[in-house]
Amino acid sequence: MTTDQFRALEVLSGSGHSAHHKTDDLLAAAVAGFTSLTRPGRYESQQFEDLALPLLETATPRARRQVSAILAQHDVAPRKLVLALANDSIEVAAPLLLRSPVLTTADLIDIVGQHGLSHARIIARRQPVDPLLLPILESFDDQLISQTLTAEPVISTAPVAAETSIADVQEAHYVSATPVNKRPESKPAVTTRTAPPAATQSLPVYDLSALSLSSYLQPARAEYLIDMALLIDGNMFRTALADALDVSYARAATIIGSWPNSQLPLALKAIGLTAQDTYLILTAVLGTIHGEREQLREFVHIYRSISSEQAAAAVKRWKTDDMNERLRNQLRDLAERASESFTSAANNDGTFPHKKAQ
C-alpha cells in the first residue's frame, strides 16, 4: 500500500482507534516492566496491579486476551488483576481458567456461578480437577464437560489446595524482595514479615513505541496456541491465531482453511513454533493430517525447509490484504453515506416549490 492509502485509512478510522492504541501501549509497558523482574516482590506486584487494573476498562479485547495469556504463565501474577481477567469474556479468560495457579478452588466456583456453562467448560480442562469443584461441573449435565472430565489429562497446572485461605494464597504467590532462609524449627517470633524491605525497585520504564504485548507473549506462544487448539470451540483458536499474527478474524479463518490446502503451517512457522508443536495444533484443529510414518517424515522435512523469510513474507502479504480490504470497505461506506446525503438533499430541495404553491 502507498503512504497516501495508509493516511486515508487512518483518517477514515476515526480518533477512537488512537485512544485505545495508547491504552494498549501503556498496558504493554506495565506488563513489560513486571515480566522483566526475575523475583518480583509484594511491592512490585502491587505497583503492577495499580498500573494495569484501571487500564483494562478501556483496553481493546485483543490486548486483554494477550495479557491473560501472559499472566497465565506466572504464579506471582497480582491476584486482583487475574480475577478481573478471569471474570472477563471467555475469549479473554480462557488461558487463566486453564492454567493460572493463582486462581483458588473458591475463585473457580465463584466464576462458574457468575458465568455459567461457557467458563465451566474451560475450567473442566484443568488437571486435576479439585474434588470440591467436580460435583459443580458435573451438575451442568453437559456432554462436553463429561467428555473432558473423563479424557486423558492434557493440560497440567499447579492447583491451589481447596482449604487454603486467600491470605495464604497471596503469601505463597508473592516472593520476598530479599530471600530469607527459613527452617522448620525456627521460632515464630523471628520473622521478617513486618520489617521494611531493604530496597524497593520501581518497574522499569520502556519506550512505548518499541513495545507490544505480542512480544512478551512470544515465550509462551506455543503453549497458548496449543491450549486454544485443544478446546472444543474452534473460534477460540481462530481468535488466538488472529492475535498472534495481527490479522483479521476473517483472514485467520482463511489461513486455517482445510487440509491439505491450509496455510496454517506457514503461519505457525512465522510465529516460531517447532514442527512437533505445529503437527499437534494441525491435528487438533484440522483432524488427522498424516497417518503414515513416511508422510509424517515428509511433513516434518517440508516444515523445517520453510525459511523464516518466506513465512514472514506470507504474514506481511496477509496483513497488506487485510489493510486493503479495510480501506475498500471504509471507502465504500463513505461513498454510500455521501450518496445518501446527496439523495436526501435533492429530495428536500424538491419539496420547497410544492410548499410555496400551497
Protein backbone atom coordinates (compact mmCIF):
# COMPACT_ATOMS: atom_id res chain seq x y z
CA MET A 1 0.00 0.00 0.00
CA THR A 2 1.06 3.59 -0.59
CA THR A 3 1.60 6.19 2.12
CA ASP A 4 -1.48 8.08 0.93
CA GLN A 5 -3.62 4.96 1.34
CA PHE A 6 -2.40 4.47 4.89
CA ARG A 7 -3.15 8.11 5.69
CA ALA A 8 -6.61 7.83 4.17
CA LEU A 9 -7.34 4.75 6.22
CA GLU A 10 -6.11 6.47 9.38
CA VAL A 11 -8.41 9.43 8.77
CA LEU A 12 -11.38 7.19 7.97
CA SER A 13 -10.79 5.05 11.05
CA GLY A 14 -11.60 7.97 13.33
CA SER A 15 -9.98 9.10 16.57
CA GLY A 16 -11.23 6.22 18.73
CA HIS A 17 -8.54 3.87 17.49
CA SER A 18 -5.70 6.09 18.68
CA ALA A 19 -7.15 6.34 22.20
CA HIS A 20 -7.43 2.56 22.50
CA HIS A 21 -4.00 2.19 20.97
CA LYS A 22 -2.49 4.44 23.65
CA THR A 23 -4.13 2.41 26.40
CA ASP A 24 -2.76 -0.80 24.89
CA ASP A 25 0.71 0.78 24.77
CA LEU A 26 0.53 1.69 28.46
CA LEU A 27 -0.67 -1.80 29.29
CA ALA A 28 2.20 -3.26 27.29
CA ALA A 29 4.66 -1.10 29.24
CA ALA A 30 3.23 -2.28 32.57
CA VAL A 31 3.37 -5.93 31.52
CA ALA A 32 6.91 -5.48 30.19
CA GLY A 33 8.07 -3.96 33.45
CA PHE A 34 6.56 -6.73 35.57
CA THR A 35 7.65 -9.68 33.44
CA SER A 36 11.22 -8.37 33.27
CA LEU A 37 11.62 -8.84 37.03
CA THR A 38 13.13 -12.22 37.90
CA ARG A 39 11.84 -12.21 41.50
CA PRO A 40 9.05 -9.62 41.84
CA GLY A 41 8.25 -8.76 45.43
CA ARG A 42 4.99 -7.69 47.00
CA TYR A 43 5.71 -4.03 46.30
CA GLU A 44 6.42 -4.59 42.59
CA SER A 45 3.34 -6.79 42.20
CA GLN A 46 1.16 -4.18 43.88
CA GLN A 47 2.66 -1.47 41.69
CA PHE A 48 1.94 -3.51 38.56
CA GLU A 49 -1.62 -4.16 39.70
CA ASP A 50 -2.23 -0.47 40.40
CA LEU A 51 -0.96 0.42 36.94
CA ALA A 52 -2.64 -2.30 34.91
CA LEU A 53 -6.03 -2.79 36.58
CA PRO A 54 -7.54 0.60 35.60
CA LEU A 55 -6.27 0.16 32.01
CA LEU A 56 -8.35 -2.99 31.49
CA GLU A 57 -11.54 -0.92 31.35
CA THR A 58 -10.51 0.85 28.14
CA ALA A 59 -8.03 -1.66 26.66
CA THR A 60 -9.03 -3.49 23.49
CA PRO A 61 -10.22 -7.11 23.74
CA ARG A 62 -7.07 -8.20 21.89
CA ALA A 63 -4.85 -6.54 24.50
CA ARG A 64 -6.81 -8.11 27.36
CA ARG A 65 -6.56 -11.54 25.72
CA GLN A 66 -2.80 -11.18 25.40
CA VAL A 67 -2.35 -10.02 28.99
CA SER A 68 -4.41 -13.01 30.12
CA ALA A 69 -2.20 -15.38 28.14
CA ILE A 70 0.97 -13.84 29.60
CA LEU A 71 -0.21 -13.85 33.22
CA ALA A 72 -1.45 -17.45 32.92
CA GLN A 73 2.19 -18.49 32.90
CA HIS A 74 3.12 -16.61 36.10
CA ASP A 75 2.45 -17.87 39.61
CA VAL A 76 3.24 -14.42 41.05
CA ALA A 77 0.69 -12.53 38.97
CA PRO A 78 -1.31 -10.00 41.04
CA ARG A 79 -4.45 -11.64 42.36
CA LYS A 80 -6.96 -8.82 41.66
CA LEU A 81 -5.71 -8.47 38.11
CA VAL A 82 -6.01 -12.21 37.49
CA LEU A 83 -9.54 -12.25 38.92
CA ALA A 84 -10.60 -9.31 36.75
CA LEU A 85 -9.39 -11.06 33.61
CA ALA A 86 -10.77 -14.46 34.67
CA ASN A 87 -14.22 -12.87 35.01
CA ASP A 88 -13.98 -11.30 31.55
CA SER A 89 -15.45 -12.84 28.39
CA ILE A 90 -14.48 -16.43 27.71
CA GLU A 91 -12.06 -15.40 24.94
CA VAL A 92 -10.13 -13.30 27.46
CA ALA A 93 -10.45 -15.57 30.48
CA ALA A 94 -9.65 -18.93 28.86
CA PRO A 95 -5.83 -19.02 29.38
CA LEU A 96 -6.17 -18.16 33.07
CA LEU A 97 -9.01 -20.61 33.61
CA LEU A 98 -6.87 -23.33 32.04
CA ARG A 99 -3.54 -22.75 33.73
CA SER A 100 -3.28 -19.99 36.31
CA PRO A 101 -2.17 -21.30 39.73
CA VAL A 102 -3.26 -18.01 41.28
CA LEU A 103 -6.93 -18.98 40.99
CA THR A 104 -8.12 -20.97 44.02
CA THR A 105 -10.91 -23.52 44.01
CA ALA A 106 -13.14 -20.94 45.69
CA ASP A 107 -12.36 -18.50 42.87
CA LEU A 108 -13.24 -21.08 40.22
CA ILE A 109 -16.51 -21.93 41.95
CA ASP A 110 -17.44 -18.23 42.05
CA ILE A 111 -16.54 -17.83 38.38
CA VAL A 112 -18.69 -20.80 37.40
CA GLY A 113 -21.56 -19.38 39.43
CA GLN A 114 -21.31 -15.99 37.71
CA HIS A 115 -20.62 -17.04 34.12
CA GLY A 116 -22.15 -20.49 33.81
CA LEU A 117 -21.53 -23.11 31.16
CA SER A 118 -19.04 -21.28 28.93
CA HIS A 119 -16.48 -20.79 31.71
CA ALA A 120 -17.28 -24.18 33.26
CA ARG A 121 -16.28 -25.99 30.07
CA ILE A 122 -12.84 -24.37 30.18
CA ILE A 123 -12.35 -24.94 33.92
CA ALA A 124 -13.17 -28.62 33.41
CA ARG A 125 -9.90 -28.92 31.46
CA ARG A 126 -7.77 -28.04 34.48
CA GLN A 127 -5.89 -31.08 35.71
CA PRO A 128 -6.51 -32.37 38.24
CA VAL A 129 -9.99 -31.04 38.98
CA ASP A 130 -10.45 -30.35 42.67
CA PRO A 131 -12.94 -32.70 44.43
CA LEU A 132 -14.95 -29.71 45.66
CA LEU A 133 -15.26 -28.35 42.13
CA LEU A 134 -16.04 -31.67 40.44
CA PRO A 135 -19.71 -32.02 41.52
CA ILE A 136 -20.42 -28.43 40.47
CA LEU A 137 -19.08 -29.11 36.99
CA GLU A 138 -20.96 -32.40 36.77
CA SER A 139 -24.20 -30.68 37.80
CA PHE A 140 -24.35 -28.96 34.39
CA ASP A 141 -25.04 -32.38 32.85
CA ASP A 142 -23.17 -31.20 29.77
CA GLN A 143 -21.80 -33.73 27.30
CA LEU A 144 -18.67 -31.71 26.56
CA ILE A 145 -17.84 -31.33 30.26
CA SER A 146 -18.39 -35.04 30.82
CA GLN A 147 -16.08 -35.91 27.92
CA THR A 148 -13.44 -33.53 29.24
CA LEU A 149 -13.55 -34.90 32.78
CA THR A 150 -13.14 -38.48 31.58
CA ALA A 151 -10.50 -37.72 28.92
CA GLU A 152 -6.76 -38.11 29.27
CA PRO A 153 -5.20 -35.11 31.02
CA VAL A 154 -3.57 -32.77 28.50
CA ILE A 155 -3.16 -29.52 30.39
CA SER A 156 -1.38 -29.56 33.69
CA THR A 157 -1.41 -26.84 36.30
CA ALA A 158 -0.37 -26.40 39.89
CA PRO A 159 -3.74 -26.26 41.68
CA VAL A 160 -4.08 -24.49 44.99
CA ALA A 161 -5.47 -26.57 47.82
CA ALA A 162 -9.19 -26.02 48.38
CA GLU A 163 -8.77 -25.34 52.09
CA THR A 164 -6.05 -22.71 51.54
CA SER A 165 -7.16 -19.26 52.64
CA ILE A 166 -6.85 -16.22 50.40
CA ALA A 167 -4.23 -14.72 52.70
CA ASP A 168 -2.13 -17.88 52.45
CA VAL A 169 -2.51 -17.89 48.66
CA GLN A 170 -1.30 -14.31 48.43
CA GLU A 171 1.62 -15.10 50.72
CA ALA A 172 2.57 -18.11 48.60
CA HIS A 173 2.33 -16.20 45.33
CA TYR A 174 4.41 -13.18 46.32
CA VAL A 175 8.16 -13.62 46.61
CA SER A 176 10.03 -11.55 49.15
CA ALA A 177 12.36 -8.99 47.67
CA THR A 178 15.10 -10.25 49.98
CA PRO A 179 15.37 -14.06 50.08
CA VAL A 180 15.19 -15.43 53.61
CA ASN A 181 16.24 -18.95 54.51
CA LYS A 182 13.58 -20.34 56.82
CA ARG A 183 13.95 -23.52 58.82
CA PRO A 184 11.06 -25.58 60.16
CA GLU A 185 12.39 -25.30 63.71
CA SER A 186 12.63 -21.50 63.61
CA LYS A 187 10.72 -19.71 66.34
CA PRO A 188 7.57 -17.86 65.28
CA ALA A 189 8.82 -14.68 66.97
CA VAL A 190 11.66 -14.39 64.48
CA THR A 191 10.15 -13.05 61.28
CA THR A 192 10.93 -10.51 58.61
CA ARG A 193 7.31 -10.04 57.51
CA THR A 194 6.86 -6.75 59.38
CA ALA A 195 10.32 -5.41 58.66
CA PRO A 196 10.54 -2.87 55.83
CA PRO A 197 12.38 -4.07 52.74
CA ALA A 198 15.96 -3.00 52.39
CA ALA A 199 15.28 -1.55 48.97
CA THR A 200 12.35 -1.42 46.62
CA GLN A 201 12.73 -1.14 42.89
CA SER A 202 10.22 0.55 40.62
CA LEU A 203 9.07 -1.15 37.48
CA PRO A 204 11.45 -0.42 34.59
CA VAL A 205 10.47 2.34 32.17
CA TYR A 206 10.17 1.38 28.49
CA ASP A 207 9.76 3.22 25.23
CA LEU A 208 6.10 2.80 24.33
CA SER A 209 6.77 2.92 20.60
CA ALA A 210 9.02 -0.14 20.87
CA LEU A 211 6.64 -2.27 22.93
CA SER A 212 3.91 -4.71 22.05
CA LEU A 213 2.09 -7.27 24.15
CA SER A 214 2.69 -9.86 21.44
CA SER A 215 6.44 -9.71 22.01
CA TYR A 216 6.00 -10.60 25.67
CA LEU A 217 3.65 -13.44 24.81
CA GLN A 218 6.25 -14.96 22.47
CA PRO A 219 8.00 -17.25 25.03
CA ALA A 220 4.66 -18.89 25.90
CA ARG A 221 3.19 -18.72 22.40
CA ALA A 222 3.36 -22.46 21.69
CA GLU A 223 1.62 -23.48 24.91
CA TYR A 224 -1.00 -20.78 24.45
CA LEU A 225 -1.86 -21.78 20.88
CA ILE A 226 -1.86 -25.49 21.77
CA ASP A 227 -4.21 -24.79 24.67
CA MET A 228 -6.59 -22.89 22.40
CA ALA A 229 -6.37 -25.55 19.68
CA LEU A 230 -7.36 -28.29 22.13
CA LEU A 231 -10.55 -26.50 23.15
CA ILE A 232 -13.86 -27.66 21.70
CA ASP A 233 -14.75 -24.21 20.37
CA GLY A 234 -12.77 -23.63 17.17
CA ASN A 235 -13.37 -19.88 17.37
CA MET A 236 -11.01 -19.71 20.34
CA PHE A 237 -8.06 -20.86 18.26
CA ARG A 238 -9.05 -18.62 15.37
CA THR A 239 -9.05 -15.64 17.72
CA ALA A 240 -5.70 -16.65 19.21
CA LEU A 241 -4.18 -17.03 15.74
CA ALA A 242 -5.51 -13.63 14.65
CA ASP A 243 -3.95 -12.05 17.75
CA ALA A 244 -0.63 -13.81 17.17
CA LEU A 245 -0.38 -12.74 13.52
CA ASP A 246 -2.11 -9.36 13.98
CA VAL A 247 -4.57 -10.11 11.19
CA SER A 248 -8.36 -10.02 10.98
CA TYR A 249 -10.52 -12.92 12.19
CA ALA A 250 -11.75 -13.50 8.65
CA ARG A 251 -8.15 -13.72 7.46
CA ALA A 252 -7.31 -16.16 10.28
CA ALA A 253 -10.21 -18.38 9.22
CA THR A 254 -8.92 -18.33 5.64
CA ILE A 255 -5.42 -19.23 6.82
CA ILE A 256 -6.74 -22.19 8.81
CA GLY A 257 -8.88 -23.45 5.92
CA SER A 258 -8.91 -27.22 5.48
CA TRP A 259 -6.23 -29.82 4.86
CA PRO A 260 -4.29 -30.13 2.58
CA ASN A 261 -4.82 -26.54 1.37
CA SER A 262 -4.42 -24.97 4.81
CA GLN A 263 -1.87 -22.18 5.18
CA LEU A 264 -1.64 -22.81 8.91
CA PRO A 265 1.84 -24.43 8.76
CA LEU A 266 3.20 -21.26 7.15
CA ALA A 267 1.57 -19.10 9.81
CA LEU A 268 2.87 -21.22 12.69
CA LYS A 269 6.35 -21.18 11.15
CA ALA A 270 6.22 -17.38 11.13
CA ILE A 271 5.27 -17.41 14.81
CA GLY A 272 8.26 -19.65 15.54
CA LEU A 273 6.67 -22.95 16.52
CA THR A 274 8.53 -26.24 16.20
CA ALA A 275 7.46 -29.00 13.82
CA GLN A 276 6.17 -31.05 16.77
CA ASP A 277 4.02 -28.23 18.13
CA THR A 278 2.76 -27.41 14.65
CA TYR A 279 1.79 -31.03 13.99
CA LEU A 280 -0.10 -31.18 17.30
CA ILE A 281 -2.01 -27.99 16.51
CA LEU A 282 -2.81 -29.08 12.96
CA THR A 283 -4.13 -32.41 14.24
CA ALA A 284 -6.23 -30.71 16.91
CA VAL A 285 -7.67 -28.09 14.55
CA LEU A 286 -7.89 -29.89 11.21
CA GLY A 287 -8.06 -33.54 12.26
CA THR A 288 -5.59 -36.28 11.32
CA ILE A 289 -3.42 -34.91 8.53
CA HIS A 290 -0.91 -37.77 8.19
CA GLY A 291 -1.43 -41.32 9.33
CA GLU A 292 1.65 -42.99 7.88
CA ARG A 293 5.19 -42.64 9.18
CA GLU A 294 6.61 -41.73 5.76
CA GLN A 295 4.04 -38.96 5.35
CA LEU A 296 4.89 -37.66 8.81
CA ARG A 297 8.58 -37.59 7.93
CA GLU A 298 7.76 -35.70 4.74
CA PHE A 299 5.68 -33.18 6.66
CA VAL A 300 8.47 -32.52 9.17
CA HIS A 301 11.02 -32.17 6.36
CA ILE A 302 8.86 -29.73 4.40
CA TYR A 303 8.02 -27.69 7.51
CA ARG A 304 11.66 -27.37 8.51
CA SER A 305 12.60 -26.36 4.98
CA ILE A 306 10.34 -23.27 5.17
CA SER A 307 12.62 -20.32 5.81
CA SER A 308 11.79 -17.58 8.31
CA GLU A 309 11.92 -15.07 5.45
CA GLN A 310 9.29 -16.99 3.46
CA ALA A 311 7.00 -17.21 6.47
CA ALA A 312 7.45 -13.52 7.34
CA ALA A 313 6.72 -12.54 3.74
CA ALA A 314 3.47 -14.52 3.85
CA VAL A 315 2.36 -12.78 7.04
CA LYS A 316 3.23 -9.39 5.55
CA ARG A 317 1.13 -10.24 2.49
CA TRP A 318 -1.83 -11.27 4.68
CA LYS A 319 -1.61 -8.03 6.64
CA THR A 320 -1.46 -5.99 3.44
CA ASP A 321 -4.52 -7.80 2.05
CA ASP A 322 -6.36 -7.09 5.30
CA MET A 323 -5.40 -3.41 5.15
CA ASN A 324 -6.54 -3.12 1.55
CA GLU A 325 -9.83 -4.81 2.40
CA ARG A 326 -10.40 -2.44 5.30
CA LEU A 327 -9.61 0.52 3.09
CA ARG A 328 -12.04 -0.65 0.40
CA ASN A 329 -14.78 -1.14 3.00
CA GLN A 330 -14.15 2.28 4.54
CA LEU A 331 -14.20 3.99 1.16
CA ARG A 332 -17.36 2.07 0.14
CA ASP A 333 -19.12 3.17 3.34
CA LEU A 334 -18.01 6.75 2.78
CA ALA A 335 -19.33 6.69 -0.80
CA GLU A 336 -22.67 5.24 0.36
CA ARG A 337 -23.06 7.91 3.06
CA ALA A 338 -22.22 10.64 0.53
CA SER A 339 -24.77 9.21 -1.91
CA GLU A 340 -27.44 9.07 0.78
CA SER A 341 -26.72 12.66 1.81
CA PHE A 342 -26.91 13.82 -1.81
CA THR A 343 -30.22 11.97 -2.37
CA SER A 344 -31.66 13.35 0.84
CA ALA A 345 -30.62 16.89 -0.05
CA ALA A 346 -32.12 16.55 -3.54
CA ASN A 347 -35.43 15.32 -2.13
CA ASN A 348 -35.58 18.19 0.35
CA ASP A 349 -34.91 20.74 -2.37
CA GLY A 350 -37.73 19.30 -4.46
CA THR A 351 -40.30 19.88 -1.74
CA PHE A 352 -39.77 23.64 -1.46
CA PRO A 353 -41.72 24.69 -4.62
CA HIS A 354 -44.60 22.44 -3.63
CA LYS A 355 -44.83 24.04 -0.19
CA LYS A 356 -44.76 27.56 -1.67
CA ALA A 357 -47.56 26.67 -4.07
CA GLN A 358 -49.74 25.62 -1.20
